[in-house]
Amino acid sequence: MRIYTTERGIAKETEPGRLDLLDLPHADLKELLLGPGLQAVRDAPVTSAVALNGVRALAPVARPGKILIIGYNYPSHGDEVREARGDVHLPEEPNFQIAAGTAIAAPGASIVLPAVANAKVDYEGEVAVVIGRASKEISIDQAWDHVAGLTVVNDVSARDIQARAMAGDLTASIGTAKSFDSFKPLGPCLVTADEFSAQPDLRLITRVNGEVRQDDRTGTFVHSISEIVSYLSWFMTLEPGDVICTGTPRGVGFFSGRFLQEGDEIEIEVERIGCLRNHVGSA
């Protein structure tokens, strides 16, 4: 099932290019997941049908309680880091950071270059997991049952802040580098977990101004989604609506020195989910 949060409420795509707007009181999918859950989407009366391009899509989850960022989860990204620095080994356990929920932005919204860190802002095309059920100390075998579905995210990062953190500057953190307002565009929809296997192999392509910068498959993940969800649940309770960014492949701007500039257009397309489009603005 393909579910959209729109300016006119929650909707499901019943056929390509058409949305059924639903009689649901929930503002977004987090609110729905904390209440009746996804079955409410299946059961809700349809109020009207609209063309997909005739209504504005919002982020599926407007304010996650937590955004969890997984690093070095594609071997290809590990390779590009190693080629540049020669000092990176793929992690034996998931590497994660926490970013602010206020970083979420809608499809089509501006990625705003922050005044305090606007010179080295970078894109990271990723698949995002949205948690559907509270998850605490769960096994890998249980983990997929706690996933509401998958969407697309751009894990935008201020590399100058990130570099300071990685150099040991205690006034900076990797989480801070990823937490500026608008730095986590999310969408365009949530595709429910029952549409995938527990280890989906999906092609991800990132384009900047039409040029392909990233092209890889989630089947190469170092740690599967189930492994990530289980692992994180032993550090904190994962709650409905929490978002996990599952890592980015080779091709980020940092290693080519091609950072985002005002006016750039970024598209992140994930097979069977959709295309997340945003442009770059300035504060």
C-alpha atoms as a PDB file:
ATOM      1  CA  MET A   1       0.000   0.000   0.000  1.00  0.00           C
ATOM      2  CA  ARG A   2       1.254   3.471  -0.964  1.00  0.00           C
ATOM      3  CA  ILE A   3       0.278   6.135   1.583  1.00  0.00           C
ATOM      4  CA  TYR A   4       0.687   9.892   1.230  1.00  0.00           C
ATOM      5  CA  THR A   5       0.441  12.658   3.788  1.00  0.00           C
ATOM      6  CA  THR A   6      -0.981  15.607   1.851  1.00  0.00           C
ATOM      7  CA  GLU A   7      -2.167  19.146   2.458  1.00  0.00           C
ATOM      8  CA  ARG A   8      -5.687  17.681   2.375  1.00  0.00           C
ATOM      9  CA  GLY A   9      -5.011  14.810   4.762  1.00  0.00           C
ATOM     10  CA  ILE A  10      -3.894  11.197   4.518  1.00  0.00           C
ATOM     11  CA  ALA A  11      -4.437   9.463   1.179  1.00  0.00           C
ATOM     12  CA  LYS A  12      -3.638   6.144  -0.475  1.00  0.00           C
ATOM     13  CA  GLU A  13      -2.683   5.590  -4.097  1.00  0.00           C
ATOM     14  CA  THR A  14      -5.173   3.082  -5.476  1.00  0.00           C
ATOM     15  CA  GLU A  15      -3.924   3.261  -9.048  1.00  0.00           C
ATOM     16  CA  PRO A  16      -0.933   5.029 -10.620  1.00  0.00           C
ATOM     17  CA  GLY A  17      -1.401   8.777 -10.546  1.00  0.00           C
ATOM     18  CA  ARG A  18      -4.620   8.771  -8.489  1.00  0.00           C
ATOM     19  CA  LEU A  19      -5.055   9.333  -4.756  1.00  0.00           C
ATOM     20  CA  ASP A  20      -8.053   8.484  -2.628  1.00  0.00           C
ATOM     21  CA  LEU A  21      -8.364  11.069   0.147  1.00  0.00           C
ATOM     22  CA  LEU A  22      -9.442   9.357   3.356  1.00  0.00           C
ATOM     23  CA  ASP A  23     -11.792  10.298   6.152  1.00  0.00           C
ATOM     24  CA  LEU A  24      -9.145  10.229   8.872  1.00  0.00           C
ATOM     25  CA  PRO A  25      -8.536  12.856  11.577  1.00  0.00           C
ATOM     26  CA  HIS A  26      -4.782  12.305  11.811  1.00  0.00           C
ATOM     27  CA  ALA A  27      -2.373  15.030  10.719  1.00  0.00           C
ATOM     28  CA  ASP A  28       0.299  12.638   9.470  1.00  0.00           C
ATOM     29  CA  LEU A  29       1.436   9.037   9.684  1.00  0.00           C
ATOM     30  CA  LYS A  30       3.144   9.422  13.049  1.00  0.00           C
ATOM     31  CA  GLU A  31      -0.136  10.463  14.626  1.00  0.00           C
ATOM     32  CA  LEU A  32      -1.909   7.584  12.895  1.00  0.00           C
ATOM     33  CA  LEU A  33       0.734   5.025  13.907  1.00  0.00           C
ATOM     34  CA  LEU A  34       0.524   6.174  17.526  1.00  0.00           C
ATOM     35  CA  GLY A  35      -3.247   5.624  17.328  1.00  0.00           C
ATOM     36  CA  PRO A  36      -5.127   3.025  15.298  1.00  0.00           C
ATOM     37  CA  GLY A  37      -2.234   2.039  13.018  1.00  0.00           C
ATOM     38  CA  LEU A  38      -2.116   1.291   9.304  1.00  0.00           C
ATOM     39  CA  GLN A  39      -5.270  -0.826   9.319  1.00  0.00           C
ATOM     40  CA  ALA A  40      -7.163   2.458   9.668  1.00  0.00           C
ATOM     41  CA  VAL A  41      -5.899   3.465   6.221  1.00  0.00           C
ATOM     42  CA  ARG A  42      -7.254   0.250   4.733  1.00  0.00           C
ATOM     43  CA  ASP A  43     -10.631   0.673   6.432  1.00  0.00           C
ATOM     44  CA  ALA A  44     -11.213   4.442   6.147  1.00  0.00           C
ATOM     45  CA  PRO A  45     -13.988   5.782   3.905  1.00  0.00           C
ATOM     46  CA  VAL A  46     -12.867   7.657   0.796  1.00  0.00           C
ATOM     47  CA  THR A  47     -13.949  11.302   0.754  1.00  0.00           C
ATOM     48  CA  SER A  48     -12.789  12.100  -2.787  1.00  0.00           C
ATOM     49  CA  ALA A  49     -10.353  11.082  -5.506  1.00  0.00           C
ATOM     50  CA  VAL A  50      -7.733  13.481  -6.843  1.00  0.00           C
ATOM     51  CA  ALA A  51      -4.869  13.363  -9.303  1.00  0.00           C
ATOM     52  CA  LEU A  52      -1.524  12.780  -7.623  1.00  0.00           C
ATOM     53  CA  ASN A  53      -0.130  15.916  -9.257  1.00  0.00           C
ATOM     54  CA  GLY A  54      -3.163  17.909  -8.143  1.00  0.00           C
ATOM     55  CA  VAL A  55      -2.411  17.875  -4.425  1.00  0.00           C
ATOM     56  CA  ARG A  56       0.719  18.863  -2.488  1.00  0.00           C
ATOM     57  CA  ALA A  57       2.502  15.993  -0.764  1.00  0.00           C
ATOM     58  CA  LEU A  58       3.947  16.600   2.689  1.00  0.00           C
ATOM     59  CA  ALA A  59       6.576  14.581   4.528  1.00  0.00           C
ATOM     60  CA  PRO A  60       4.975  11.250   5.530  1.00  0.00           C
ATOM     61  CA  VAL A  61       6.053  11.998   9.124  1.00  0.00           C
ATOM     62  CA  ALA A  62       6.270  15.709   9.943  1.00  0.00           C
ATOM     63  CA  ARG A  63       8.108  15.513  13.294  1.00  0.00           C
ATOM     64  CA  PRO A  64       9.644  12.164  14.164  1.00  0.00           C
ATOM     65  CA  GLY A  65      10.509  11.688  17.804  1.00  0.00           C
ATOM     66  CA  LYS A  66      13.928  10.551  16.607  1.00  0.00           C
ATOM     67  CA  ILE A  67      15.845  10.533  13.342  1.00  0.00           C
ATOM     68  CA  LEU A  68      18.558   7.881  13.463  1.00  0.00           C
ATOM     69  CA  ILE A  69      21.374   8.044  10.919  1.00  0.00           C
ATOM     70  CA  ILE A  70      23.288   4.921   9.897  1.00  0.00           C
ATOM     71  CA  GLY A  71      26.798   5.388   8.527  1.00  0.00           C
ATOM     72  CA  TYR A  72      28.994   3.245   6.283  1.00  0.00           C
ATOM     73  CA  ASN A  73      26.218   0.841   5.337  1.00  0.00           C
ATOM     74  CA  TYR A  74      27.105   0.526   1.631  1.00  0.00           C
ATOM     75  CA  PRO A  75      30.441  -1.104   0.741  1.00  0.00           C
ATOM     76  CA  SER A  76      30.742   1.363  -2.155  1.00  0.00           C
ATOM     77  CA  HIS A  77      30.687   4.346   0.231  1.00  0.00           C
ATOM     78  CA  GLY A  78      33.261   2.640   2.423  1.00  0.00           C
ATOM     79  CA  ASP A  79      35.408   2.233  -0.698  1.00  0.00           C
ATOM     80  CA  GLU A  80      35.268   5.921  -1.633  1.00  0.00           C
ATOM     81  CA  VAL A  81      36.175   6.950   1.907  1.00  0.00           C
ATOM     82  CA  ARG A  82      39.040   4.459   1.967  1.00  0.00           C
ATOM     83  CA  GLU A  83      40.324   5.671  -1.412  1.00  0.00           C
ATOM     84  CA  ALA A  84      40.401   9.226  -0.100  1.00  0.00           C
ATOM     85  CA  ARG A  85      41.687   8.605   3.419  1.00  0.00           C
ATOM     86  CA  GLY A  86      42.872   5.019   3.586  1.00  0.00           C
ATOM     87  CA  ASP A  87      41.643   4.569   7.143  1.00  0.00           C
ATOM     88  CA  VAL A  88      38.084   3.248   7.051  1.00  0.00           C
ATOM     89  CA  HIS A  89      36.853  -0.266   7.762  1.00  0.00           C
ATOM     90  CA  LEU A  90      33.242  -1.298   7.432  1.00  0.00           C
ATOM     91  CA  PRO A  91      31.683  -1.478  10.903  1.00  0.00           C
ATOM     92  CA  GLU A  92      30.978  -4.836  12.505  1.00  0.00           C
ATOM     93  CA  GLU A  93      27.950  -3.267  14.212  1.00  0.00           C
ATOM     94  CA  PRO A  94      25.719  -0.496  12.848  1.00  0.00           C
ATOM     95  CA  ASN A  95      27.272   2.949  13.203  1.00  0.00           C
ATOM     96  CA  PHE A  96      24.623   5.506  14.165  1.00  0.00           C
ATOM     97  CA  GLN A  97      24.030   9.152  15.041  1.00  0.00           C
ATOM     98  CA  ILE A  98      20.895  11.000  16.170  1.00  0.00           C
ATOM     99  CA  ALA A  99      19.532  14.068  14.373  1.00  0.00           C
ATOM    100  CA  ALA A 100      16.788  16.503  15.305  1.00  0.00           C
ATOM    101  CA  GLY A 101      13.206  15.788  14.255  1.00  0.00           C
ATOM    102  CA  THR A 102      12.868  19.436  13.225  1.00  0.00           C
ATOM    103  CA  ALA A 103      15.187  18.745  10.259  1.00  0.00           C
ATOM    104  CA  ILE A 104      12.332  17.100   8.314  1.00  0.00           C
ATOM    105  CA  ALA A 105      11.232  18.845   5.106  1.00  0.00           C
ATOM    106  CA  ALA A 106       8.516  18.054   2.578  1.00  0.00           C
ATOM    107  CA  PRO A 107       8.958  16.886  -0.999  1.00  0.00           C
ATOM    108  CA  GLY A 108       9.452  19.933  -3.186  1.00  0.00           C
ATOM    109  CA  ALA A 109      10.547  22.131  -0.288  1.00  0.00           C
ATOM    110  CA  SER A 110      13.790  24.108  -0.229  1.00  0.00           C
ATOM    111  CA  ILE A 111      16.920  22.714   1.363  1.00  0.00           C
ATOM    112  CA  VAL A 112      18.091  25.895   3.075  1.00  0.00           C
ATOM    113  CA  LEU A 113      21.820  26.596   3.216  1.00  0.00           C
ATOM    114  CA  PRO A 114      22.383  27.666   6.845  1.00  0.00           C
ATOM    115  CA  ALA A 115      24.100  30.984   7.483  1.00  0.00           C
ATOM    116  CA  VAL A 116      26.634  29.412   9.870  1.00  0.00           C
ATOM    117  CA  ALA A 117      27.588  26.500   7.587  1.00  0.00           C
ATOM    118  CA  ASN A 118      26.735  27.130   3.953  1.00  0.00           C
ATOM    119  CA  ALA A 119      29.974  26.326   2.115  1.00  0.00           C
ATOM    120  CA  LYS A 120      30.071  22.519   2.243  1.00  0.00           C
ATOM    121  CA  VAL A 121      26.487  21.281   2.297  1.00  0.00           C
ATOM    122  CA  ASP A 122      26.219  17.785   0.819  1.00  0.00           C
ATOM    123  CA  TYR A 123      23.471  15.409  -0.322  1.00  0.00           C
ATOM    124  CA  GLU A 124      23.110  11.753   0.698  1.00  0.00           C
ATOM    125  CA  GLY A 125      20.433   9.727  -1.068  1.00  0.00           C
ATOM    126  CA  GLU A 126      18.999   7.054   1.232  1.00  0.00           C
ATOM    127  CA  VAL A 127      16.135   4.687   1.912  1.00  0.00           C
ATOM    128  CA  ALA A 128      14.354   5.567   5.160  1.00  0.00           C
ATOM    129  CA  VAL A 129      12.581   3.193   7.516  1.00  0.00           C
ATOM    130  CA  VAL A 130       9.530   4.397   9.444  1.00  0.00           C
ATOM    131  CA  ILE A 131       8.892   2.493  12.678  1.00  0.00           C
ATOM    132  CA  GLY A 132       5.340   1.217  13.108  1.00  0.00           C
ATOM    133  CA  ARG A 133       5.350  -0.393  16.552  1.00  0.00           C
ATOM    134  CA  ALA A 134       7.202   0.366  19.774  1.00  0.00           C
ATOM    135  CA  SER A 135      10.412  -1.642  19.711  1.00  0.00           C
ATOM    136  CA  LYS A 136      12.563  -2.375  22.738  1.00  0.00           C
ATOM    137  CA  GLU A 137      15.215  -5.095  22.890  1.00  0.00           C
ATOM    138  CA  ILE A 138      13.789  -7.033  19.955  1.00  0.00           C
ATOM    139  CA  SER A 139      15.513  -9.767  17.970  1.00  0.00           C
ATOM    140  CA  ILE A 140      16.510  -9.575  14.331  1.00  0.00           C
ATOM    141  CA  ASP A 141      13.756 -12.065  13.497  1.00  0.00           C
ATOM    142  CA  GLN A 142      11.159  -9.794  15.127  1.00  0.00           C
ATOM    143  CA  ALA A 143      12.412  -6.534  13.670  1.00  0.00           C
ATOM    144  CA  TRP A 144      10.648  -6.424  10.285  1.00  0.00           C
ATOM    145  CA  ASP A 145       7.278  -6.783  12.020  1.00  0.00           C
ATOM    146  CA  HIS A 146       7.999  -3.443  13.753  1.00  0.00           C
ATOM    147  CA  VAL A 147       8.524  -1.582  10.460  1.00  0.00           C
ATOM    148  CA  ALA A 148       5.577   0.439   9.129  1.00  0.00           C
ATOM    149  CA  GLY A 149       7.182   0.924   5.739  1.00  0.00           C
ATOM    150  CA  LEU A 150       9.871   2.529   3.622  1.00  0.00           C
ATOM    151  CA  THR A 151      10.271   5.964   2.091  1.00  0.00           C
ATOM    152  CA  VAL A 152      13.059   8.119   0.609  1.00  0.00           C
ATOM    153  CA  VAL A 153      15.233  10.605   2.491  1.00  0.00           C
ATOM    154  CA  ASN A 154      18.004  13.044   1.647  1.00  0.00           C
ATOM    155  CA  ASP A 155      20.411  12.968   4.592  1.00  0.00           C
ATOM    156  CA  VAL A 156      21.764  16.461   3.934  1.00  0.00           C
ATOM    157  CA  SER A 157      24.958  17.183   5.860  1.00  0.00           C
ATOM    158  CA  ALA A 158      27.100  20.247   6.612  1.00  0.00           C
ATOM    159  CA  ARG A 159      30.503  18.694   5.981  1.00  0.00           C
ATOM    160  CA  ASP A 160      32.490  21.472   7.634  1.00  0.00           C
ATOM    161  CA  ILE A 161      30.643  20.874  10.924  1.00  0.00           C
ATOM    162  CA  GLN A 162      31.008  17.125  10.449  1.00  0.00           C
ATOM    163  CA  ALA A 163      34.748  17.444   9.833  1.00  0.00           C
ATOM    164  CA  ARG A 164      35.187  19.430  13.045  1.00  0.00           C
ATOM    165  CA  ALA A 165      33.349  16.739  14.982  1.00  0.00           C
ATOM    166  CA  MET A 166      35.410  13.929  13.442  1.00  0.00           C
ATOM    167  CA  ALA A 167      38.595  15.849  14.318  1.00  0.00           C
ATOM    168  CA  GLY A 168      37.599  15.858  17.983  1.00  0.00           C
ATOM    169  CA  ASP A 169      36.215  19.384  18.292  1.00  0.00           C
ATOM    170  CA  LEU A 170      33.874  19.114  21.283  1.00  0.00           C
ATOM    171  CA  THR A 171      31.864  22.133  20.117  1.00  0.00           C
ATOM    172  CA  ALA A 172      30.588  20.160  17.100  1.00  0.00           C
ATOM    173  CA  SER A 173      28.943  16.792  16.488  1.00  0.00           C
ATOM    174  CA  ILE A 174      27.978  14.701  13.476  1.00  0.00           C
ATOM    175  CA  GLY A 175      24.377  14.891  14.646  1.00  0.00           C
ATOM    176  CA  THR A 176      24.551  18.686  14.630  1.00  0.00           C
ATOM    177  CA  ALA A 177      25.908  18.641  11.074  1.00  0.00           C
ATOM    178  CA  LYS A 178      22.777  16.749  10.007  1.00  0.00           C
ATOM    179  CA  SER A 179      20.185  18.591  12.127  1.00  0.00           C
ATOM    180  CA  PHE A 180      19.743  21.988  10.481  1.00  0.00           C
ATOM    181  CA  ASP A 181      16.173  22.855   9.558  1.00  0.00           C
ATOM    182  CA  SER A 182      15.273  21.385   6.123  1.00  0.00           C
ATOM    183  CA  PHE A 183      18.214  18.931   6.145  1.00  0.00           C
ATOM    184  CA  LYS A 184      16.027  15.809   6.021  1.00  0.00           C
ATOM    185  CA  PRO A 185      13.624  15.989   3.077  1.00  0.00           C
ATOM    186  CA  LEU A 186      11.371  12.924   3.355  1.00  0.00           C
ATOM    187  CA  GLY A 187       8.886  11.348   0.955  1.00  0.00           C
ATOM    188  CA  PRO A 188       7.116  11.361  -1.361  1.00  0.00           C
ATOM    189  CA  CYS A 189       5.117   8.523   0.219  1.00  0.00           C
ATOM    190  CA  LEU A 190       5.324   5.571   2.565  1.00  0.00           C
ATOM    191  CA  VAL A 191       5.200   2.129   0.985  1.00  0.00           C
ATOM    192  CA  THR A 192       4.082  -0.345   3.624  1.00  0.00           C
ATOM    193  CA  ALA A 193       6.390  -3.114   4.775  1.00  0.00           C
ATOM    194  CA  ASP A 194       4.119  -5.862   3.405  1.00  0.00           C
ATOM    195  CA  GLU A 195       5.090  -4.736  -0.122  1.00  0.00           C
ATOM    196  CA  PHE A 196       8.692  -5.876   0.448  1.00  0.00           C
ATOM    197  CA  SER A 197      10.686  -8.801   1.697  1.00  0.00           C
ATOM    198  CA  ALA A 198      12.573  -8.317   4.961  1.00  0.00           C
ATOM    199  CA  GLN A 199      15.751  -7.704   2.921  1.00  0.00           C
ATOM    200  CA  PRO A 200      14.595  -5.629  -0.052  1.00  0.00           C
ATOM    201  CA  ASP A 201      16.988  -5.141  -2.963  1.00  0.00           C
ATOM    202  CA  LEU A 202      16.076  -1.716  -4.331  1.00  0.00           C
ATOM    203  CA  ARG A 203      17.941   0.469  -6.807  1.00  0.00           C
ATOM    204  CA  LEU A 204      18.724   3.983  -5.531  1.00  0.00           C
ATOM    205  CA  ILE A 205      19.734   6.803  -7.886  1.00  0.00           C
ATOM    206  CA  THR A 206      20.638  10.373  -6.873  1.00  0.00           C
ATOM    207  CA  ARG A 207      20.713  13.131  -9.490  1.00  0.00           C
ATOM    208  CA  VAL A 208      21.897  16.706  -9.045  1.00  0.00           C
ATOM    209  CA  ASN A 209      20.715  19.012 -11.841  1.00  0.00           C
ATOM    210  CA  GLY A 210      19.975  15.896 -13.882  1.00  0.00           C
ATOM    211  CA  GLU A 211      23.445  14.366 -13.470  1.00  0.00           C
ATOM    212  CA  VAL A 212      23.591  10.929 -11.849  1.00  0.00           C
ATOM    213  CA  ARG A 213      25.796  11.146  -8.757  1.00  0.00           C
ATOM    214  CA  GLN A 214      24.824   7.935  -6.912  1.00  0.00           C
ATOM    215  CA  ASP A 215      23.608   4.584  -8.259  1.00  0.00           C
ATOM    216  CA  ASP A 216      23.561   1.489  -6.056  1.00  0.00           C
ATOM    217  CA  ARG A 217      21.302  -1.174  -4.574  1.00  0.00           C
ATOM    218  CA  THR A 218      20.135  -1.783  -1.021  1.00  0.00           C
ATOM    219  CA  GLY A 219      20.899  -5.470  -1.524  1.00  0.00           C
ATOM    220  CA  THR A 220      24.545  -4.576  -0.862  1.00  0.00           C
ATOM    221  CA  PHE A 221      23.831  -3.236   2.656  1.00  0.00           C
ATOM    222  CA  VAL A 222      26.470  -4.117   5.233  1.00  0.00           C
ATOM    223  CA  HIS A 223      23.687  -4.375   7.833  1.00  0.00           C
ATOM    224  CA  SER A 224      20.143  -5.260   6.801  1.00  0.00           C
ATOM    225  CA  ILE A 225      17.152  -3.224   7.897  1.00  0.00           C
ATOM    226  CA  SER A 226      16.183  -5.948  10.372  1.00  0.00           C
ATOM    227  CA  GLU A 227      19.682  -5.960  11.846  1.00  0.00           C
ATOM    228  CA  ILE A 228      19.628  -2.162  12.176  1.00  0.00           C
ATOM    229  CA  VAL A 229      16.193  -2.007  13.815  1.00  0.00           C
ATOM    230  CA  SER A 230      17.058  -4.779  16.255  1.00  0.00           C
ATOM    231  CA  TYR A 231      20.426  -3.231  17.123  1.00  0.00           C
ATOM    232  CA  LEU A 232      19.018   0.232  17.776  1.00  0.00           C
ATOM    233  CA  SER A 233      16.229  -1.198  19.950  1.00  0.00           C
ATOM    234  CA  TRP A 234      18.815  -2.336  22.504  1.00  0.00           C
ATOM    235  CA  PHE A 235      20.036   1.268  22.942  1.00  0.00           C
ATOM    236  CA  MET A 236      16.655   3.048  23.066  1.00  0.00           C
ATOM    237  CA  THR A 237      12.984   2.376  22.590  1.00  0.00           C
ATOM    238  CA  LEU A 238      12.038   2.932  18.974  1.00  0.00           C
ATOM    239  CA  GLU A 239       8.602   4.544  18.787  1.00  0.00           C
ATOM    240  CA  PRO A 240       5.972   4.728  16.044  1.00  0.00           C
ATOM    241  CA  GLY A 241       6.943   7.420  13.574  1.00  0.00           C
ATOM    242  CA  ASP A 242      10.669   7.305  14.306  1.00  0.00           C
ATOM    243  CA  VAL A 243      12.740   7.495  11.116  1.00  0.00           C
ATOM    244  CA  ILE A 244      15.915   5.532  10.388  1.00  0.00           C
ATOM    245  CA  CYS A 245      18.151   6.677   7.510  1.00  0.00           C
ATOM    246  CA  THR A 246      19.821   3.474   6.330  1.00  0.00           C
ATOM    247  CA  GLY A 247      23.042   4.854   4.833  1.00  0.00           C
ATOM    248  CA  THR A 248      24.212   6.320   1.535  1.00  0.00           C
ATOM    249  CA  PRO A 249      26.209   4.794  -1.329  1.00  0.00           C
ATOM    250  CA  ARG A 250      29.247   6.028  -3.218  1.00  0.00           C
ATOM    251  CA  GLY A 251      29.017   9.384  -4.941  1.00  0.00           C
ATOM    252  CA  VAL A 252      28.485  12.013  -2.238  1.00  0.00           C
ATOM    253  CA  GLY A 253      29.708  15.489  -3.099  1.00  0.00           C
ATOM    254  CA  PHE A 254      32.428  15.601  -0.457  1.00  0.00           C
ATOM    255  CA  PHE A 255      34.960  13.524  -2.382  1.00  0.00           C
ATOM    256  CA  SER A 256      34.534  15.428  -5.640  1.00  0.00           C
ATOM    257  CA  GLY A 257      34.296  18.829  -3.946  1.00  0.00           C
ATOM    258  CA  ARG A 258      30.895  19.386  -5.597  1.00  0.00           C
ATOM    259  CA  PHE A 259      28.784  20.730  -2.776  1.00  0.00           C
ATOM    260  CA  LEU A 260      25.225  21.961  -3.079  1.00  0.00           C
ATOM    261  CA  GLN A 261      24.709  25.488  -4.359  1.00  0.00           C
ATOM    262  CA  GLU A 262      21.669  27.734  -4.335  1.00  0.00           C
ATOM    263  CA  GLY A 263      19.411  26.794  -7.245  1.00  0.00           C
ATOM    264  CA  ASP A 264      20.510  23.138  -7.455  1.00  0.00           C
ATOM    265  CA  GLU A 265      17.809  20.523  -7.980  1.00  0.00           C
ATOM    266  CA  ILE A 266      18.215  17.134  -6.273  1.00  0.00           C
ATOM    267  CA  GLU A 267      16.272  13.995  -7.152  1.00  0.00           C
ATOM    268  CA  ILE A 268      16.547  10.768  -5.196  1.00  0.00           C
ATOM    269  CA  GLU A 269      14.723   7.911  -6.881  1.00  0.00           C
ATOM    270  CA  VAL A 270      14.239   4.549  -5.210  1.00  0.00           C
ATOM    271  CA  GLU A 271      12.808   1.603  -7.071  1.00  0.00           C
ATOM    272  CA  ARG A 272       9.231   0.703  -6.019  1.00  0.00           C
ATOM    273  CA  ILE A 273       8.997   3.732  -3.703  1.00  0.00           C
ATOM    274  CA  GLY A 274       9.235   6.887  -5.790  1.00  0.00           C
ATOM    275  CA  CYS A 275      11.250  10.029  -6.448  1.00  0.00           C
ATOM    276  CA  LEU A 276      11.987  12.700  -3.841  1.00  0.00           C
ATOM    277  CA  ARG A 277      12.659  16.097  -5.432  1.00  0.00           C
ATOM    278  CA  ASN A 278      13.964  19.218  -3.682  1.00  0.00           C
ATOM    279  CA  HIS A 279      15.843  22.362  -4.588  1.00  0.00           C
ATOM    280  CA  VAL A 280      18.452  24.388  -2.730  1.00  0.00           C
ATOM    281  CA  GLY A 281      17.745  27.838  -1.305  1.00  0.00           C
ATOM    282  CA  SER A 282      19.518  30.115   1.151  1.00  0.00           C
ATOM    283  CA  ALA A 283      18.698  31.539   4.562  1.00  0.00           C
END
